[in-house]
N, C-alpha and C. Protein backbone atom coordinates (compact mmCIF):
# COMPACT_ATOMS: atom_id res chain seq x y z
N MET A 1 2.18 -18.62 21.43
CA MET A 1 2.44 -18.39 20.00
C MET A 1 1.15 -18.44 19.20
N GLY A 2 0.17 -19.26 19.63
CA GLY A 2 -1.09 -19.37 18.91
C GLY A 2 -1.81 -18.05 18.81
N LEU A 3 -1.94 -17.33 19.93
CA LEU A 3 -2.60 -16.03 19.94
C LEU A 3 -1.81 -15.02 19.13
N PHE A 4 -0.48 -15.05 19.27
CA PHE A 4 0.39 -14.14 18.53
C PHE A 4 0.21 -14.36 17.03
N LYS A 5 0.20 -15.62 16.61
CA LYS A 5 0.04 -15.94 15.19
C LYS A 5 -1.34 -15.52 14.69
N LYS A 6 -2.36 -15.74 15.50
CA LYS A 6 -3.72 -15.37 15.11
C LYS A 6 -3.83 -13.86 14.93
N LEU A 7 -3.20 -13.11 15.83
CA LEU A 7 -3.24 -11.65 15.75
C LEU A 7 -2.58 -11.17 14.47
N PHE A 8 -1.36 -11.67 14.20
CA PHE A 8 -0.62 -11.13 13.07
C PHE A 8 -1.06 -11.69 11.73
N THR A 9 -1.78 -12.80 11.73
CA THR A 9 -2.36 -13.27 10.49
C THR A 9 -3.44 -12.29 10.01
N ASN A 10 -3.95 -11.48 10.91
CA ASN A 10 -4.91 -10.44 10.55
C ASN A 10 -4.27 -9.31 9.75
N CYS A 11 -2.96 -9.36 9.54
CA CYS A 11 -2.32 -8.38 8.65
C CYS A 11 -2.89 -8.48 7.24
N ALA A 12 -3.15 -9.71 6.80
CA ALA A 12 -3.59 -9.93 5.43
C ALA A 12 -5.00 -9.41 5.19
N CYS A 13 -5.91 -9.76 6.09
CA CYS A 13 -7.32 -9.35 5.93
C CYS A 13 -7.93 -9.21 7.31
N PRO A 14 -7.77 -8.04 7.95
CA PRO A 14 -8.26 -7.86 9.31
C PRO A 14 -9.75 -8.17 9.45
N GLU A 15 -10.06 -8.95 10.48
CA GLU A 15 -11.45 -9.31 10.74
C GLU A 15 -11.71 -9.29 12.24
N GLY A 16 -12.91 -8.87 12.63
CA GLY A 16 -13.34 -8.94 14.01
C GLY A 16 -12.50 -8.14 14.98
N ARG A 17 -12.56 -8.53 16.24
CA ARG A 17 -11.85 -7.78 17.29
C ARG A 17 -10.35 -7.81 17.09
N MET A 18 -9.82 -8.99 16.72
CA MET A 18 -8.38 -9.09 16.45
C MET A 18 -7.99 -8.18 15.29
N GLY A 19 -8.83 -8.14 14.28
CA GLY A 19 -8.56 -7.30 13.13
C GLY A 19 -8.55 -5.83 13.48
N ARG A 20 -9.49 -5.41 14.32
CA ARG A 20 -9.53 -4.00 14.73
C ARG A 20 -8.30 -3.63 15.54
N ALA A 21 -7.83 -4.57 16.37
CA ALA A 21 -6.60 -4.33 17.12
C ALA A 21 -5.41 -4.21 16.18
N MET A 22 -5.37 -5.05 15.15
CA MET A 22 -4.27 -5.00 14.19
C MET A 22 -4.29 -3.70 13.40
N LEU A 23 -5.45 -3.21 13.03
CA LEU A 23 -5.54 -1.95 12.29
C LEU A 23 -5.02 -0.79 13.13
N TRP A 24 -5.34 -0.78 14.40
CA TRP A 24 -4.80 0.27 15.30
C TRP A 24 -3.28 0.16 15.35
N PHE A 25 -2.78 -1.07 15.47
CA PHE A 25 -1.34 -1.31 15.53
C PHE A 25 -0.66 -0.83 14.24
N MET A 26 -1.25 -1.16 13.10
CA MET A 26 -0.64 -0.79 11.82
C MET A 26 -0.64 0.72 11.62
N ASN A 27 -1.73 1.38 11.98
CA ASN A 27 -1.78 2.84 11.83
C ASN A 27 -0.66 3.52 12.61
N CYS A 28 -0.35 2.99 13.77
CA CYS A 28 0.70 3.58 14.60
C CYS A 28 2.10 3.15 14.15
N CYS A 29 2.28 1.85 14.00
CA CYS A 29 3.63 1.31 13.82
C CYS A 29 4.18 1.45 12.41
N HIS A 30 3.32 1.65 11.44
CA HIS A 30 3.81 1.85 10.07
C HIS A 30 4.19 3.30 9.80
N ALA A 31 3.96 4.18 10.75
CA ALA A 31 4.20 5.60 10.53
C ALA A 31 5.65 5.92 10.13
N PRO A 32 6.67 5.41 10.83
CA PRO A 32 8.05 5.75 10.44
C PRO A 32 8.38 5.31 9.02
N LEU A 33 8.03 4.08 8.65
CA LEU A 33 8.27 3.59 7.30
C LEU A 33 7.53 4.44 6.28
N THR A 34 6.26 4.70 6.54
CA THR A 34 5.43 5.42 5.57
C THR A 34 5.91 6.85 5.37
N ASN A 35 6.18 7.54 6.45
CA ASN A 35 6.64 8.93 6.33
C ASN A 35 7.96 9.02 5.58
N TRP A 36 8.87 8.09 5.88
CA TRP A 36 10.15 8.06 5.16
C TRP A 36 9.94 7.78 3.68
N GLY A 37 9.15 6.76 3.37
CA GLY A 37 8.95 6.37 1.98
C GLY A 37 8.22 7.42 1.17
N LEU A 38 7.19 8.03 1.73
CA LEU A 38 6.44 9.05 1.00
C LEU A 38 7.30 10.27 0.69
N ASP A 39 8.23 10.57 1.58
CA ASP A 39 9.11 11.73 1.35
C ASP A 39 10.06 11.52 0.17
N LEU A 40 10.22 10.29 -0.28
CA LEU A 40 11.12 9.99 -1.40
C LEU A 40 10.46 10.21 -2.76
N ILE A 41 9.14 10.33 -2.77
CA ILE A 41 8.40 10.26 -4.03
C ILE A 41 8.36 11.59 -4.77
N GLY A 42 8.41 12.69 -4.04
CA GLY A 42 8.25 13.99 -4.68
C GLY A 42 6.80 14.29 -5.00
N ILE A 43 5.94 14.07 -4.03
CA ILE A 43 4.50 14.28 -4.22
C ILE A 43 4.22 15.76 -4.48
N GLN A 44 3.33 16.03 -5.42
CA GLN A 44 3.00 17.39 -5.81
C GLN A 44 1.54 17.71 -5.49
N ASN A 45 1.22 18.99 -5.48
CA ASN A 45 -0.16 19.42 -5.25
C ASN A 45 -1.07 18.99 -6.39
N ASN A 46 -2.35 18.90 -6.07
CA ASN A 46 -3.39 18.60 -7.06
C ASN A 46 -3.31 17.17 -7.61
N TRP A 47 -2.60 16.30 -6.93
CA TRP A 47 -2.51 14.93 -7.41
C TRP A 47 -3.76 14.13 -7.01
N THR A 48 -4.06 13.14 -7.83
CA THR A 48 -5.06 12.13 -7.50
C THR A 48 -4.30 10.85 -7.17
N MET A 49 -4.51 10.30 -5.98
CA MET A 49 -3.65 9.23 -5.48
C MET A 49 -4.48 8.06 -4.97
N LEU A 50 -3.90 6.87 -5.06
CA LEU A 50 -4.54 5.64 -4.62
C LEU A 50 -3.61 4.88 -3.70
N ASP A 51 -4.15 4.44 -2.56
CA ASP A 51 -3.40 3.56 -1.66
C ASP A 51 -4.07 2.20 -1.68
N ILE A 52 -3.37 1.21 -2.21
CA ILE A 52 -3.90 -0.16 -2.28
C ILE A 52 -3.53 -0.90 -1.00
N GLY A 53 -4.54 -1.54 -0.40
CA GLY A 53 -4.33 -2.15 0.91
C GLY A 53 -4.26 -1.07 1.96
N CYS A 54 -5.26 -0.19 1.95
CA CYS A 54 -5.20 1.04 2.74
C CYS A 54 -5.32 0.81 4.25
N GLY A 55 -5.67 -0.41 4.66
CA GLY A 55 -5.71 -0.71 6.08
C GLY A 55 -6.57 0.25 6.86
N GLY A 56 -6.02 0.80 7.93
CA GLY A 56 -6.78 1.69 8.80
C GLY A 56 -6.86 3.12 8.33
N GLY A 57 -6.34 3.44 7.16
CA GLY A 57 -6.53 4.76 6.57
C GLY A 57 -5.52 5.82 6.94
N ALA A 58 -4.50 5.47 7.71
CA ALA A 58 -3.51 6.47 8.11
C ALA A 58 -2.69 6.98 6.93
N THR A 59 -2.38 6.10 5.98
CA THR A 59 -1.61 6.53 4.81
C THR A 59 -2.40 7.54 3.99
N LEU A 60 -3.71 7.40 3.92
CA LEU A 60 -4.53 8.36 3.20
C LEU A 60 -4.36 9.77 3.79
N LYS A 61 -4.35 9.84 5.10
CA LYS A 61 -4.15 11.14 5.77
C LYS A 61 -2.76 11.69 5.48
N ARG A 62 -1.76 10.82 5.48
CA ARG A 62 -0.39 11.27 5.23
C ARG A 62 -0.21 11.74 3.79
N LEU A 63 -0.89 11.11 2.86
CA LEU A 63 -0.85 11.56 1.47
C LEU A 63 -1.48 12.94 1.33
N LEU A 64 -2.61 13.15 1.96
CA LEU A 64 -3.29 14.45 1.89
C LEU A 64 -2.42 15.58 2.43
N LYS A 65 -1.68 15.30 3.48
CA LYS A 65 -0.82 16.33 4.07
C LYS A 65 0.28 16.77 3.12
N ARG A 66 0.63 15.92 2.18
CA ARG A 66 1.74 16.21 1.27
C ARG A 66 1.28 16.79 -0.06
N SER A 67 -0.03 16.91 -0.27
CA SER A 67 -0.53 17.37 -1.56
C SER A 67 -1.79 18.21 -1.36
N LYS A 68 -1.67 19.51 -1.53
CA LYS A 68 -2.82 20.40 -1.40
C LYS A 68 -3.77 20.19 -2.57
N HIS A 69 -5.05 20.36 -2.29
CA HIS A 69 -6.10 20.29 -3.32
C HIS A 69 -6.07 18.94 -4.04
N SER A 70 -5.77 17.90 -3.28
CA SER A 70 -5.65 16.56 -3.86
C SER A 70 -6.88 15.72 -3.52
N GLN A 71 -6.94 14.57 -4.16
CA GLN A 71 -7.93 13.55 -3.81
C GLN A 71 -7.18 12.24 -3.58
N VAL A 72 -7.63 11.51 -2.56
CA VAL A 72 -7.01 10.22 -2.28
C VAL A 72 -8.08 9.14 -2.24
N TYR A 73 -7.72 8.02 -2.81
CA TYR A 73 -8.58 6.85 -2.84
C TYR A 73 -7.90 5.73 -2.08
N GLY A 74 -8.69 4.95 -1.38
CA GLY A 74 -8.16 3.79 -0.68
C GLY A 74 -8.99 2.57 -1.03
N ILE A 75 -8.32 1.44 -1.16
CA ILE A 75 -9.02 0.18 -1.43
C ILE A 75 -8.40 -0.91 -0.58
N ASP A 76 -9.24 -1.81 -0.06
CA ASP A 76 -8.76 -2.89 0.78
C ASP A 76 -9.73 -4.05 0.67
N ILE A 77 -9.21 -5.27 0.78
CA ILE A 77 -10.09 -6.44 0.69
C ILE A 77 -10.89 -6.66 1.97
N SER A 78 -10.46 -6.03 3.06
CA SER A 78 -11.07 -6.25 4.37
C SER A 78 -12.19 -5.25 4.66
N GLU A 79 -13.34 -5.76 5.02
CA GLU A 79 -14.46 -4.90 5.40
C GLU A 79 -14.12 -4.08 6.64
N GLU A 80 -13.40 -4.70 7.58
CA GLU A 80 -12.98 -3.97 8.80
C GLU A 80 -12.06 -2.81 8.43
N SER A 81 -11.13 -3.04 7.49
CA SER A 81 -10.21 -1.99 7.08
C SER A 81 -10.95 -0.83 6.43
N VAL A 82 -11.89 -1.14 5.56
CA VAL A 82 -12.66 -0.09 4.89
C VAL A 82 -13.41 0.76 5.91
N ALA A 83 -14.03 0.10 6.89
CA ALA A 83 -14.77 0.83 7.92
C ALA A 83 -13.84 1.73 8.73
N LYS A 84 -12.67 1.21 9.11
CA LYS A 84 -11.72 1.98 9.90
C LYS A 84 -11.16 3.15 9.09
N ALA A 85 -10.80 2.91 7.83
CA ALA A 85 -10.25 3.98 6.99
C ALA A 85 -11.27 5.10 6.79
N ARG A 86 -12.53 4.74 6.64
CA ARG A 86 -13.57 5.75 6.50
C ARG A 86 -13.75 6.54 7.79
N LYS A 87 -13.67 5.86 8.91
CA LYS A 87 -13.83 6.53 10.20
C LYS A 87 -12.68 7.50 10.46
N VAL A 88 -11.46 7.08 10.15
CA VAL A 88 -10.28 7.91 10.38
C VAL A 88 -10.32 9.17 9.51
N ASN A 89 -10.95 9.08 8.34
CA ASN A 89 -10.98 10.20 7.39
C ASN A 89 -12.40 10.75 7.20
N VAL A 90 -13.23 10.60 8.21
CA VAL A 90 -14.67 10.85 8.06
C VAL A 90 -14.98 12.28 7.60
N HIS A 91 -14.22 13.27 8.05
CA HIS A 91 -14.54 14.66 7.73
C HIS A 91 -14.30 15.01 6.26
N LEU A 92 -13.49 14.19 5.57
CA LEU A 92 -13.19 14.46 4.16
C LEU A 92 -13.79 13.40 3.23
N LEU A 93 -14.52 12.47 3.82
CA LEU A 93 -15.08 11.36 3.05
C LEU A 93 -16.09 11.87 2.02
N GLY A 94 -15.92 11.41 0.80
CA GLY A 94 -16.83 11.82 -0.27
C GLY A 94 -16.46 13.12 -0.94
N HIS A 95 -15.45 13.82 -0.40
CA HIS A 95 -14.99 15.08 -0.98
C HIS A 95 -13.55 14.95 -1.47
N GLN A 96 -12.67 14.61 -0.54
CA GLN A 96 -11.27 14.39 -0.90
C GLN A 96 -10.83 12.96 -0.68
N VAL A 97 -11.59 12.21 0.10
CA VAL A 97 -11.22 10.84 0.43
C VAL A 97 -12.33 9.89 -0.01
N PHE A 98 -11.93 8.81 -0.70
CA PHE A 98 -12.88 7.84 -1.21
C PHE A 98 -12.32 6.45 -0.92
N VAL A 99 -13.08 5.64 -0.20
CA VAL A 99 -12.59 4.34 0.24
C VAL A 99 -13.60 3.27 -0.17
N CYS A 100 -13.09 2.17 -0.74
CA CYS A 100 -13.98 1.09 -1.12
C CYS A 100 -13.31 -0.26 -0.86
N GLN A 101 -14.13 -1.30 -0.89
CA GLN A 101 -13.63 -2.66 -0.71
C GLN A 101 -13.33 -3.26 -2.07
N GLY A 102 -12.20 -3.93 -2.19
CA GLY A 102 -11.84 -4.54 -3.45
C GLY A 102 -10.42 -5.07 -3.43
N SER A 103 -9.99 -5.60 -4.56
CA SER A 103 -8.70 -6.29 -4.65
C SER A 103 -7.78 -5.62 -5.66
N ALA A 104 -6.49 -5.77 -5.42
CA ALA A 104 -5.49 -5.26 -6.37
C ALA A 104 -5.55 -6.00 -7.70
N GLU A 105 -6.15 -7.18 -7.71
CA GLU A 105 -6.26 -7.95 -8.94
C GLU A 105 -7.20 -7.32 -9.96
N LYS A 106 -8.20 -6.59 -9.46
CA LYS A 106 -9.20 -5.98 -10.34
C LYS A 106 -9.62 -4.64 -9.74
N LEU A 107 -8.86 -3.61 -10.03
CA LEU A 107 -9.11 -2.30 -9.44
C LEU A 107 -10.32 -1.64 -10.11
N PRO A 108 -11.27 -1.13 -9.33
CA PRO A 108 -12.51 -0.58 -9.88
C PRO A 108 -12.39 0.88 -10.31
N TYR A 109 -11.34 1.19 -11.05
CA TYR A 109 -11.08 2.57 -11.47
C TYR A 109 -10.79 2.59 -12.96
N GLU A 110 -11.07 3.74 -13.58
CA GLU A 110 -10.83 3.86 -15.01
C GLU A 110 -9.33 3.95 -15.31
N ASP A 111 -9.01 3.75 -16.56
CA ASP A 111 -7.61 3.85 -17.00
C ASP A 111 -7.07 5.25 -16.76
N SER A 112 -5.79 5.32 -16.44
CA SER A 112 -5.04 6.59 -16.38
C SER A 112 -5.68 7.61 -15.43
N LYS A 113 -6.10 7.15 -14.27
CA LYS A 113 -6.78 8.03 -13.31
C LYS A 113 -5.82 8.68 -12.32
N PHE A 114 -4.75 7.97 -11.92
CA PHE A 114 -3.97 8.38 -10.76
C PHE A 114 -2.57 8.89 -11.13
N ASP A 115 -2.13 9.89 -10.37
CA ASP A 115 -0.75 10.38 -10.45
C ASP A 115 0.19 9.52 -9.63
N LEU A 116 -0.34 8.89 -8.59
CA LEU A 116 0.47 8.08 -7.68
C LEU A 116 -0.36 6.93 -7.15
N VAL A 117 0.25 5.77 -7.11
CA VAL A 117 -0.32 4.60 -6.42
C VAL A 117 0.70 4.15 -5.38
N THR A 118 0.24 3.90 -4.16
CA THR A 118 1.12 3.42 -3.11
C THR A 118 0.64 2.06 -2.60
N ALA A 119 1.60 1.29 -2.09
CA ALA A 119 1.31 0.00 -1.48
C ALA A 119 2.23 -0.14 -0.27
N VAL A 120 1.68 0.04 0.91
CA VAL A 120 2.46 0.03 2.14
C VAL A 120 2.26 -1.30 2.86
N GLU A 121 3.32 -2.08 2.96
CA GLU A 121 3.29 -3.34 3.71
C GLU A 121 2.14 -4.25 3.25
N THR A 122 1.96 -4.37 1.94
CA THR A 122 0.81 -5.15 1.48
C THR A 122 1.09 -6.09 0.32
N VAL A 123 2.12 -5.85 -0.49
CA VAL A 123 2.33 -6.72 -1.66
C VAL A 123 2.64 -8.15 -1.25
N TYR A 124 3.00 -8.37 0.01
CA TYR A 124 3.22 -9.73 0.51
C TYR A 124 2.00 -10.62 0.29
N PHE A 125 0.82 -10.00 0.22
CA PHE A 125 -0.44 -10.75 0.22
C PHE A 125 -1.18 -10.68 -1.12
N TRP A 126 -0.57 -10.04 -2.11
CA TRP A 126 -1.25 -9.91 -3.40
C TRP A 126 -1.16 -11.21 -4.19
N PRO A 127 -2.28 -11.79 -4.58
CA PRO A 127 -2.23 -12.96 -5.45
C PRO A 127 -1.85 -12.52 -6.87
N ASN A 128 -1.16 -13.38 -7.59
CA ASN A 128 -0.80 -13.06 -8.97
C ASN A 128 -0.18 -11.67 -9.05
N LEU A 129 0.94 -11.49 -8.37
CA LEU A 129 1.57 -10.18 -8.29
C LEU A 129 1.85 -9.56 -9.67
N PRO A 130 2.35 -10.30 -10.64
CA PRO A 130 2.56 -9.68 -11.96
C PRO A 130 1.26 -9.12 -12.56
N GLY A 131 0.15 -9.83 -12.38
CA GLY A 131 -1.13 -9.33 -12.86
C GLY A 131 -1.57 -8.09 -12.13
N CYS A 132 -1.32 -8.04 -10.82
CA CYS A 132 -1.65 -6.86 -10.03
C CYS A 132 -0.84 -5.65 -10.48
N LEU A 133 0.41 -5.87 -10.83
CA LEU A 133 1.26 -4.77 -11.30
C LEU A 133 0.74 -4.21 -12.63
N GLN A 134 0.20 -5.08 -13.46
CA GLN A 134 -0.40 -4.62 -14.71
C GLN A 134 -1.63 -3.75 -14.42
N GLU A 135 -2.40 -4.13 -13.41
CA GLU A 135 -3.56 -3.33 -13.01
C GLU A 135 -3.13 -1.96 -12.48
N VAL A 136 -2.07 -1.94 -11.69
CA VAL A 136 -1.54 -0.66 -11.20
C VAL A 136 -1.13 0.21 -12.38
N SER A 137 -0.44 -0.37 -13.33
CA SER A 137 -0.03 0.39 -14.51
C SER A 137 -1.23 0.93 -15.27
N ARG A 138 -2.26 0.13 -15.38
CA ARG A 138 -3.45 0.54 -16.12
C ARG A 138 -4.08 1.80 -15.54
N VAL A 139 -4.17 1.88 -14.20
CA VAL A 139 -4.87 3.02 -13.58
C VAL A 139 -3.97 4.24 -13.38
N LEU A 140 -2.67 4.09 -13.65
CA LEU A 140 -1.76 5.22 -13.54
C LEU A 140 -1.78 6.08 -14.80
N LYS A 141 -1.64 7.37 -14.62
CA LYS A 141 -1.44 8.28 -15.75
C LYS A 141 -0.04 8.06 -16.33
N GLN A 142 0.17 8.49 -17.56
CA GLN A 142 1.51 8.50 -18.12
C GLN A 142 2.40 9.39 -17.25
N GLY A 143 3.53 8.88 -16.84
CA GLY A 143 4.41 9.61 -15.93
C GLY A 143 4.05 9.43 -14.47
N GLY A 144 2.96 8.70 -14.20
CA GLY A 144 2.55 8.44 -12.81
C GLY A 144 3.50 7.49 -12.12
N LYS A 145 3.53 7.55 -10.81
CA LYS A 145 4.48 6.77 -10.02
C LYS A 145 3.77 5.69 -9.19
N PHE A 146 4.46 4.57 -9.04
CA PHE A 146 4.02 3.50 -8.15
C PHE A 146 5.10 3.29 -7.11
N ALA A 147 4.73 3.35 -5.84
CA ALA A 147 5.70 3.20 -4.74
C ALA A 147 5.29 2.04 -3.84
N ILE A 148 6.21 1.10 -3.68
CA ILE A 148 6.03 -0.05 -2.79
C ILE A 148 6.88 0.20 -1.55
N LEU A 149 6.26 0.20 -0.39
CA LEU A 149 6.97 0.43 0.87
C LEU A 149 6.93 -0.85 1.69
N LEU A 150 8.11 -1.28 2.13
CA LEU A 150 8.26 -2.56 2.82
C LEU A 150 9.08 -2.43 4.09
N GLU A 151 8.72 -3.27 5.05
CA GLU A 151 9.54 -3.38 6.26
C GLU A 151 10.14 -4.78 6.38
N VAL A 152 9.57 -5.73 5.66
CA VAL A 152 10.10 -7.09 5.66
C VAL A 152 10.65 -7.37 4.26
N VAL A 153 11.95 -7.49 4.14
CA VAL A 153 12.59 -7.62 2.83
C VAL A 153 13.40 -8.91 2.70
N ASP A 154 13.38 -9.74 3.72
CA ASP A 154 14.16 -10.98 3.74
C ASP A 154 13.22 -12.17 3.67
N GLY A 155 13.37 -12.99 2.63
CA GLY A 155 12.49 -14.14 2.45
C GLY A 155 12.58 -15.15 3.58
N ASP A 156 13.66 -15.13 4.35
CA ASP A 156 13.82 -16.05 5.48
C ASP A 156 13.31 -15.45 6.79
N SER A 157 12.61 -14.32 6.68
CA SER A 157 12.12 -13.65 7.87
C SER A 157 11.20 -14.55 8.68
N MET A 158 11.21 -14.38 9.98
CA MET A 158 10.33 -15.16 10.86
C MET A 158 8.86 -14.87 10.55
N TRP A 159 8.59 -13.71 9.95
CA TRP A 159 7.19 -13.33 9.72
C TRP A 159 6.49 -14.28 8.76
N THR A 160 7.22 -14.89 7.84
CA THR A 160 6.58 -15.81 6.91
C THR A 160 6.09 -17.07 7.61
N ASN A 161 6.66 -17.35 8.79
CA ASN A 161 6.19 -18.49 9.59
C ASN A 161 5.07 -18.10 10.54
N VAL A 162 4.91 -16.83 10.75
CA VAL A 162 3.89 -16.33 11.68
C VAL A 162 2.61 -15.94 10.96
N VAL A 163 2.76 -15.29 9.81
CA VAL A 163 1.61 -14.76 9.08
C VAL A 163 1.27 -15.68 7.92
N GLU A 164 0.11 -16.31 7.99
CA GLU A 164 -0.30 -17.24 6.93
C GLU A 164 -0.51 -16.50 5.62
N GLY A 165 -0.05 -17.11 4.53
CA GLY A 165 -0.27 -16.54 3.21
C GLY A 165 0.68 -15.42 2.84
N MET A 166 1.68 -15.18 3.66
CA MET A 166 2.61 -14.09 3.41
C MET A 166 3.77 -14.57 2.55
N LYS A 167 4.07 -13.82 1.49
CA LYS A 167 5.22 -14.12 0.64
C LYS A 167 6.09 -12.88 0.55
N VAL A 168 7.34 -13.01 0.92
CA VAL A 168 8.25 -11.87 0.96
C VAL A 168 9.08 -11.84 -0.32
N TYR A 169 9.14 -10.66 -0.93
CA TYR A 169 9.97 -10.43 -2.11
C TYR A 169 11.09 -9.47 -1.73
N SER A 170 12.26 -9.71 -2.26
CA SER A 170 13.36 -8.76 -2.03
C SER A 170 13.12 -7.52 -2.87
N PRO A 171 13.69 -6.38 -2.49
CA PRO A 171 13.57 -5.18 -3.32
C PRO A 171 14.05 -5.40 -4.75
N VAL A 172 15.10 -6.18 -4.93
CA VAL A 172 15.61 -6.44 -6.28
C VAL A 172 14.59 -7.25 -7.08
N GLU A 173 13.95 -8.21 -6.45
CA GLU A 173 12.90 -9.00 -7.13
C GLU A 173 11.74 -8.10 -7.53
N LEU A 174 11.34 -7.21 -6.66
CA LEU A 174 10.23 -6.31 -6.96
C LEU A 174 10.60 -5.34 -8.08
N GLN A 175 11.83 -4.85 -8.05
CA GLN A 175 12.28 -3.97 -9.12
C GLN A 175 12.22 -4.70 -10.47
N ALA A 176 12.66 -5.95 -10.49
CA ALA A 176 12.62 -6.74 -11.72
C ALA A 176 11.18 -6.93 -12.21
N MET A 177 10.27 -7.15 -11.28
CA MET A 177 8.86 -7.31 -11.64
C MET A 177 8.28 -6.01 -12.20
N LEU A 178 8.68 -4.88 -11.62
CA LEU A 178 8.23 -3.59 -12.14
C LEU A 178 8.72 -3.39 -13.57
N LEU A 179 9.97 -3.71 -13.82
CA LEU A 179 10.52 -3.58 -15.16
C LEU A 179 9.80 -4.50 -16.13
N GLU A 180 9.51 -5.72 -15.70
CA GLU A 180 8.79 -6.67 -16.54
C GLU A 180 7.39 -6.17 -16.87
N ALA A 181 6.79 -5.43 -15.92
CA ALA A 181 5.45 -4.88 -16.11
C ALA A 181 5.46 -3.60 -16.94
N GLY A 182 6.66 -3.14 -17.32
CA GLY A 182 6.76 -1.98 -18.19
C GLY A 182 7.10 -0.68 -17.51
N PHE A 183 7.32 -0.71 -16.21
CA PHE A 183 7.69 0.51 -15.51
C PHE A 183 9.13 0.91 -15.86
N ILE A 184 9.41 2.20 -15.79
CA ILE A 184 10.74 2.71 -16.09
C ILE A 184 11.25 3.53 -14.90
N GLU A 185 12.49 3.97 -15.00
CA GLU A 185 13.10 4.83 -13.98
C GLU A 185 12.92 4.25 -12.58
N THR A 186 13.08 2.94 -12.47
CA THR A 186 12.87 2.28 -11.18
C THR A 186 14.01 2.62 -10.21
N GLU A 187 13.64 2.75 -8.96
CA GLU A 187 14.61 3.08 -7.91
C GLU A 187 14.37 2.19 -6.71
N ILE A 188 15.46 1.84 -6.02
CA ILE A 188 15.37 1.16 -4.74
C ILE A 188 16.03 2.03 -3.68
N HIS A 189 15.33 2.28 -2.61
CA HIS A 189 15.87 3.04 -1.48
C HIS A 189 15.84 2.16 -0.24
N HIS A 190 16.89 2.24 0.55
CA HIS A 190 16.99 1.47 1.79
C HIS A 190 17.19 2.41 2.98
N LYS A 191 16.70 1.97 4.11
CA LYS A 191 16.96 2.65 5.37
C LYS A 191 16.99 1.59 6.47
N ARG A 192 17.93 1.70 7.35
CA ARG A 192 18.00 0.75 8.46
C ARG A 192 16.80 0.91 9.38
N PRO A 193 16.36 -0.20 10.03
CA PRO A 193 17.00 -1.52 10.01
C PRO A 193 16.67 -2.34 8.75
N SER A 194 15.44 -2.23 8.24
CA SER A 194 15.11 -3.06 7.07
C SER A 194 14.08 -2.39 6.16
N TYR A 195 13.95 -1.08 6.26
CA TYR A 195 12.98 -0.40 5.41
C TYR A 195 13.45 -0.40 3.96
N ALA A 196 12.51 -0.51 3.05
CA ALA A 196 12.81 -0.38 1.62
C ALA A 196 11.63 0.28 0.92
N THR A 197 11.94 1.12 -0.05
CA THR A 197 10.94 1.71 -0.92
C THR A 197 11.41 1.49 -2.36
N ILE A 198 10.50 0.93 -3.16
CA ILE A 198 10.79 0.66 -4.57
C ILE A 198 9.81 1.51 -5.38
N ILE A 199 10.33 2.31 -6.28
CA ILE A 199 9.51 3.26 -7.05
C ILE A 199 9.68 2.99 -8.53
N GLY A 200 8.57 2.99 -9.27
CA GLY A 200 8.62 2.88 -10.71
C GLY A 200 7.72 3.93 -11.34
N VAL A 201 7.99 4.26 -12.59
CA VAL A 201 7.24 5.28 -13.32
C VAL A 201 6.58 4.64 -14.53
N LYS A 202 5.32 4.97 -14.78
CA LYS A 202 4.65 4.49 -15.99
C LYS A 202 5.08 5.33 -17.19
N PRO A 203 5.60 4.71 -18.23
CA PRO A 203 6.07 5.49 -19.38
C PRO A 203 4.91 6.08 -20.20
């Protein structure tokens, strides 16, 4: 259990060899959730999009496939994640793909920059989640969408005992937080076994 816990604690901030293994795992295993969730958003061409907690960069590639002539930005607190995301998207880096290190608490982007912000399997680790949601709102354009994609939706999940620093919110709790942050037209989508996507729109 010690090695298992050490490996999966790298979900929060991948580091070293264990972190690189976790990034490979996440790029592969998050694909079904991510593809399902992104298909719910109604992504359009020419969008400028941000993936917070971009991990190994696979979501950036999936966003690009859904939006022609788009630009995608990725941000992650982990140096290993930033390096992996840049490597995975190396041919478009600096042209359509831009990846940097940073936190959801203080996004290094101007106001009203993005048409879409995504967060795939990451809000569990955001400190001061209400403050982070205000930051997401700040960088979204009017009418822009924020999509939270989750695979762990039960606060009693075993994962909270395995992954240090992980806090699980129910979809209903997240929807309430989005409304409190000023988002409108919020939606909750479910898919078995435990996938959830919560979407809000900046008014």
